[in-house]
Each structure stands twice: as C-alpha cells, then as structure tokens.
Amino acid sequence: ESEYAELSEQATRKAVSNYSESNIAKRYTDIYNKITGRNA
C-alpha cells in the first residue's frame, strides 16, 4: 500500500504542476502568439 500512496502522491504532484491554471494559460498564450505572430 505504501507504494500505491507514493505513486498516488507523485501523480498528484505532477498533475498539479503540469495542469495548473497559470501553466495552461501560458500554453494557450504561446499557441496564440505562434498562430497570429503577435505577442499577447
């Protein structure tokens, strides 16, 4: 069970760091800038 708890904690940490609002907003901004050639 401790292995599961460790894995679960790592997965949660990864999800939080990769899918936080600011990261997603930055990703969308970068994509928008590439498409339009502008800097938002």
PDB file of N, CA and C in Angstrom:
ATOM      1  N   GLU A   1       0.830  -1.215   0.000  1.00  0.00           N
ATOM      2  CA  GLU A   1       0.000   0.000   0.000  1.00  0.00           C
ATOM      3  C   GLU A   1       0.861   1.262   0.000  1.00  0.00           C
ATOM      4  N   SER A   2       2.014   1.217   0.647  1.00  0.00           N
ATOM      5  CA  SER A   2       2.859   2.409   0.678  1.00  0.00           C
ATOM      6  C   SER A   2       3.349   2.770  -0.724  1.00  0.00           C
ATOM      7  N   GLU A   3       3.559   1.755  -1.561  1.00  0.00           N
ATOM      8  CA  GLU A   3       3.946   2.021  -2.947  1.00  0.00           C
ATOM      9  C   GLU A   3       2.828   2.769  -3.663  1.00  0.00           C
ATOM     10  N   TYR A   4       1.603   2.333  -3.424  1.00  0.00           N
ATOM     11  CA  TYR A   4       0.453   2.990  -4.047  1.00  0.00           C
ATOM     12  C   TYR A   4       0.350   4.441  -3.578  1.00  0.00           C
ATOM     13  N   ALA A   5       0.537   4.649  -2.280  1.00  0.00           N
ATOM     14  CA  ALA A   5       0.448   6.001  -1.732  1.00  0.00           C
ATOM     15  C   ALA A   5       1.519   6.897  -2.343  1.00  0.00           C
ATOM     16  N   GLU A   6       2.715   6.372  -2.475  1.00  0.00           N
ATOM     17  CA  GLU A   6       3.821   7.133  -3.074  1.00  0.00           C
ATOM     18  C   GLU A   6       3.512   7.471  -4.529  1.00  0.00           C
ATOM     19  N   LEU A   7       3.051   6.484  -5.275  1.00  0.00           N
ATOM     20  CA  LEU A   7       2.716   6.688  -6.678  1.00  0.00           C
ATOM     21  C   LEU A   7       1.591   7.710  -6.823  1.00  0.00           C
ATOM     22  N   SER A   8       0.599   7.577  -5.969  1.00  0.00           N
ATOM     23  CA  SER A   8      -0.531   8.489  -5.997  1.00  0.00           C
ATOM     24  C   SER A   8      -0.088   9.923  -5.721  1.00  0.00           C
ATOM     25  N   GLU A   9       0.791  10.072  -4.744  1.00  0.00           N
ATOM     26  CA  GLU A   9       1.288  11.403  -4.394  1.00  0.00           C
ATOM     27  C   GLU A   9       2.083  12.006  -5.549  1.00  0.00           C
ATOM     28  N   GLN A  10       2.911  11.201  -6.179  1.00  0.00           N
ATOM     29  CA  GLN A  10       3.696  11.688  -7.320  1.00  0.00           C
ATOM     30  C   GLN A  10       2.788  12.085  -8.476  1.00  0.00           C
ATOM     31  N   ALA A  11       1.776  11.287  -8.733  1.00  0.00           N
ATOM     32  CA  ALA A  11       0.848  11.590  -9.823  1.00  0.00           C
ATOM     33  C   ALA A  11       0.111  12.899  -9.552  1.00  0.00           C
ATOM     34  N   THR A  12      -0.307  13.074  -8.305  1.00  0.00           N
ATOM     35  CA  THR A  12      -0.995  14.311  -7.935  1.00  0.00           C
ATOM     36  C   THR A  12      -0.081  15.510  -8.113  1.00  0.00           C
ATOM     37  N   ARG A  13       1.153  15.375  -7.648  1.00  0.00           N
ATOM     38  CA  ARG A  13       2.111  16.471  -7.764  1.00  0.00           C
ATOM     39  C   ARG A  13       2.350  16.820  -9.227  1.00  0.00           C
ATOM     40  N   LYS A  14       2.500  15.806 -10.063  1.00  0.00           N
ATOM     41  CA  LYS A  14       2.736  16.035 -11.486  1.00  0.00           C
ATOM     42  C   LYS A  14       1.532  16.722 -12.127  1.00  0.00           C
ATOM     43  N   ALA A  15       0.343  16.256 -11.814  1.00  0.00           N
ATOM     44  CA  ALA A  15      -0.861  16.856 -12.382  1.00  0.00           C
ATOM     45  C   ALA A  15      -0.990  18.314 -11.963  1.00  0.00           C
ATOM     46  N   VAL A  16      -0.751  18.586 -10.694  1.00  0.00           N
ATOM     47  CA  VAL A  16      -0.876  19.955 -10.195  1.00  0.00           C
ATOM     48  C   VAL A  16       0.147  20.864 -10.862  1.00  0.00           C
ATOM     49  N   SER A  17       1.379  20.399 -11.007  1.00  0.00           N
ATOM     50  CA  SER A  17       2.405  21.259 -11.593  1.00  0.00           C
ATOM     51  C   SER A  17       2.226  21.411 -13.099  1.00  0.00           C
ATOM     52  N   ASN A  18       1.742  20.373 -13.779  1.00  0.00           N
ATOM     53  CA  ASN A  18       1.606  20.447 -15.231  1.00  0.00           C
ATOM     54  C   ASN A  18       0.306  21.078 -15.695  1.00  0.00           C
ATOM     55  N   TYR A  19      -0.720  21.001 -14.870  1.00  0.00           N
ATOM     56  CA  TYR A  19      -2.028  21.448 -15.320  1.00  0.00           C
ATOM     57  C   TYR A  19      -2.593  22.578 -14.469  1.00  0.00           C
ATOM     58  N   SER A  20      -1.704  23.333 -13.817  1.00  0.00           N
ATOM     59  CA  SER A  20      -2.164  24.486 -13.058  1.00  0.00           C
ATOM     60  C   SER A  20      -2.706  25.537 -14.028  1.00  0.00           C
ATOM     61  N   GLU A  21      -3.557  26.418 -13.536  1.00  0.00           N
ATOM     62  CA  GLU A  21      -4.167  27.427 -14.405  1.00  0.00           C
ATOM     63  C   GLU A  21      -3.131  28.283 -15.103  1.00  0.00           C
ATOM     64  N   SER A  22      -2.101  28.697 -14.372  1.00  0.00           N
ATOM     65  CA  SER A  22      -1.109  29.583 -14.977  1.00  0.00           C
ATOM     66  C   SER A  22      -0.341  28.876 -16.085  1.00  0.00           C
ATOM     67  N   ASN A  23      -0.032  27.592 -15.903  1.00  0.00           N
ATOM     68  CA  ASN A  23       0.666  26.850 -16.957  1.00  0.00           C
ATOM     69  C   ASN A  23      -0.199  26.711 -18.196  1.00  0.00           C
ATOM     70  N   ILE A  24      -1.470  26.411 -18.004  1.00  0.00           N
ATOM     71  CA  ILE A  24      -2.369  26.252 -19.143  1.00  0.00           C
ATOM     72  C   ILE A  24      -2.563  27.593 -19.840  1.00  0.00           C
ATOM     73  N   ALA A  25      -2.715  28.659 -19.083  1.00  0.00           N
ATOM     74  CA  ALA A  25      -2.873  29.987 -19.674  1.00  0.00           C
ATOM     75  C   ALA A  25      -1.640  30.349 -20.495  1.00  0.00           C
ATOM     76  N   LYS A  26      -0.469  30.051 -19.975  1.00  0.00           N
ATOM     77  CA  LYS A  26       0.762  30.354 -20.703  1.00  0.00           C
ATOM     78  C   LYS A  26       0.828  29.542 -21.988  1.00  0.00           C
ATOM     79  N   ARG A  27       0.433  28.284 -21.910  1.00  0.00           N
ATOM     80  CA  ARG A  27       0.463  27.432 -23.100  1.00  0.00           C
ATOM     81  C   ARG A  27      -0.470  27.980 -24.178  1.00  0.00           C
ATOM     82  N   TYR A  28      -1.680  28.369 -23.778  1.00  0.00           N
ATOM     83  CA  TYR A  28      -2.618  28.938 -24.746  1.00  0.00           C
ATOM     84  C   TYR A  28      -2.078  30.236 -25.330  1.00  0.00           C
ATOM     85  N   THR A  29      -1.467  31.065 -24.490  1.00  0.00           N
ATOM     86  CA  THR A  29      -0.890  32.320 -24.969  1.00  0.00           C
ATOM     87  C   THR A  29       0.211  32.051 -25.979  1.00  0.00           C
ATOM     88  N   ASP A  30       1.075  31.090 -25.682  1.00  0.00           N
ATOM     89  CA  ASP A  30       2.159  30.745 -26.610  1.00  0.00           C
ATOM     90  C   ASP A  30       1.607  30.265 -27.949  1.00  0.00           C
ATOM     91  N   ILE A  31       0.574  29.420 -27.902  1.00  0.00           N
ATOM     92  CA  ILE A  31      -0.031  28.909 -29.135  1.00  0.00           C
ATOM     93  C   ILE A  31      -0.654  30.062 -29.917  1.00  0.00           C
ATOM     94  N   TYR A  32      -1.361  30.938 -29.229  1.00  0.00           N
ATOM     95  CA  TYR A  32      -1.982  32.095 -29.877  1.00  0.00           C
ATOM     96  C   TYR A  32      -0.927  32.948 -30.570  1.00  0.00           C
ATOM     97  N   ASN A  33       0.179  33.189 -29.859  1.00  0.00           N
ATOM     98  CA  ASN A  33       1.245  34.008 -30.432  1.00  0.00           C
ATOM     99  C   ASN A  33       1.855  33.353 -31.669  1.00  0.00           C
ATOM    100  N   LYS A  34       2.002  32.048 -31.646  1.00  0.00           N
ATOM    101  CA  LYS A  34       2.551  31.351 -32.815  1.00  0.00           C
ATOM    102  C   LYS A  34       1.614  31.480 -34.002  1.00  0.00           C
ATOM    103  N   ILE A  35       0.318  31.347 -33.745  1.00  0.00           N
ATOM    104  CA  ILE A  35      -0.664  31.396 -34.826  1.00  0.00           C
ATOM    105  C   ILE A  35      -0.748  32.809 -35.402  1.00  0.00           C
ATOM    106  N   THR A  36      -0.788  33.809 -34.550  1.00  0.00           N
ATOM    107  CA  THR A  36      -1.007  35.177 -35.017  1.00  0.00           C
ATOM    108  C   THR A  36       0.288  35.919 -35.297  1.00  0.00           C
ATOM    109  N   GLY A  37       1.406  35.411 -34.796  1.00  0.00           N
ATOM    110  CA  GLY A  37       2.676  36.098 -34.966  1.00  0.00           C
ATOM    111  C   GLY A  37       2.802  37.310 -34.069  1.00  0.00           C
ATOM    112  N   ARG A  38       1.956  37.389 -33.051  1.00  0.00           N
ATOM    113  CA  ARG A  38       1.967  38.522 -32.119  1.00  0.00           C
ATOM    114  C   ARG A  38       2.410  38.068 -30.752  1.00  0.00           C
ATOM    115  N   ASN A  39       2.664  39.045 -29.905  1.00  0.00           N
ATOM    116  CA  ASN A  39       2.944  38.759 -28.501  1.00  0.00           C
ATOM    117  C   ASN A  39       1.835  39.336 -27.657  1.00  0.00           C
ATOM    118  N   ALA A  40       1.039  38.466 -27.065  1.00  0.00           N
ATOM    119  CA  ALA A  40      -0.085  38.919 -26.246  1.00  0.00           C
ATOM    120  C   ALA A  40       0.387  39.212 -24.840  1.00  0.00           C
TER     121      ALA A  40
END
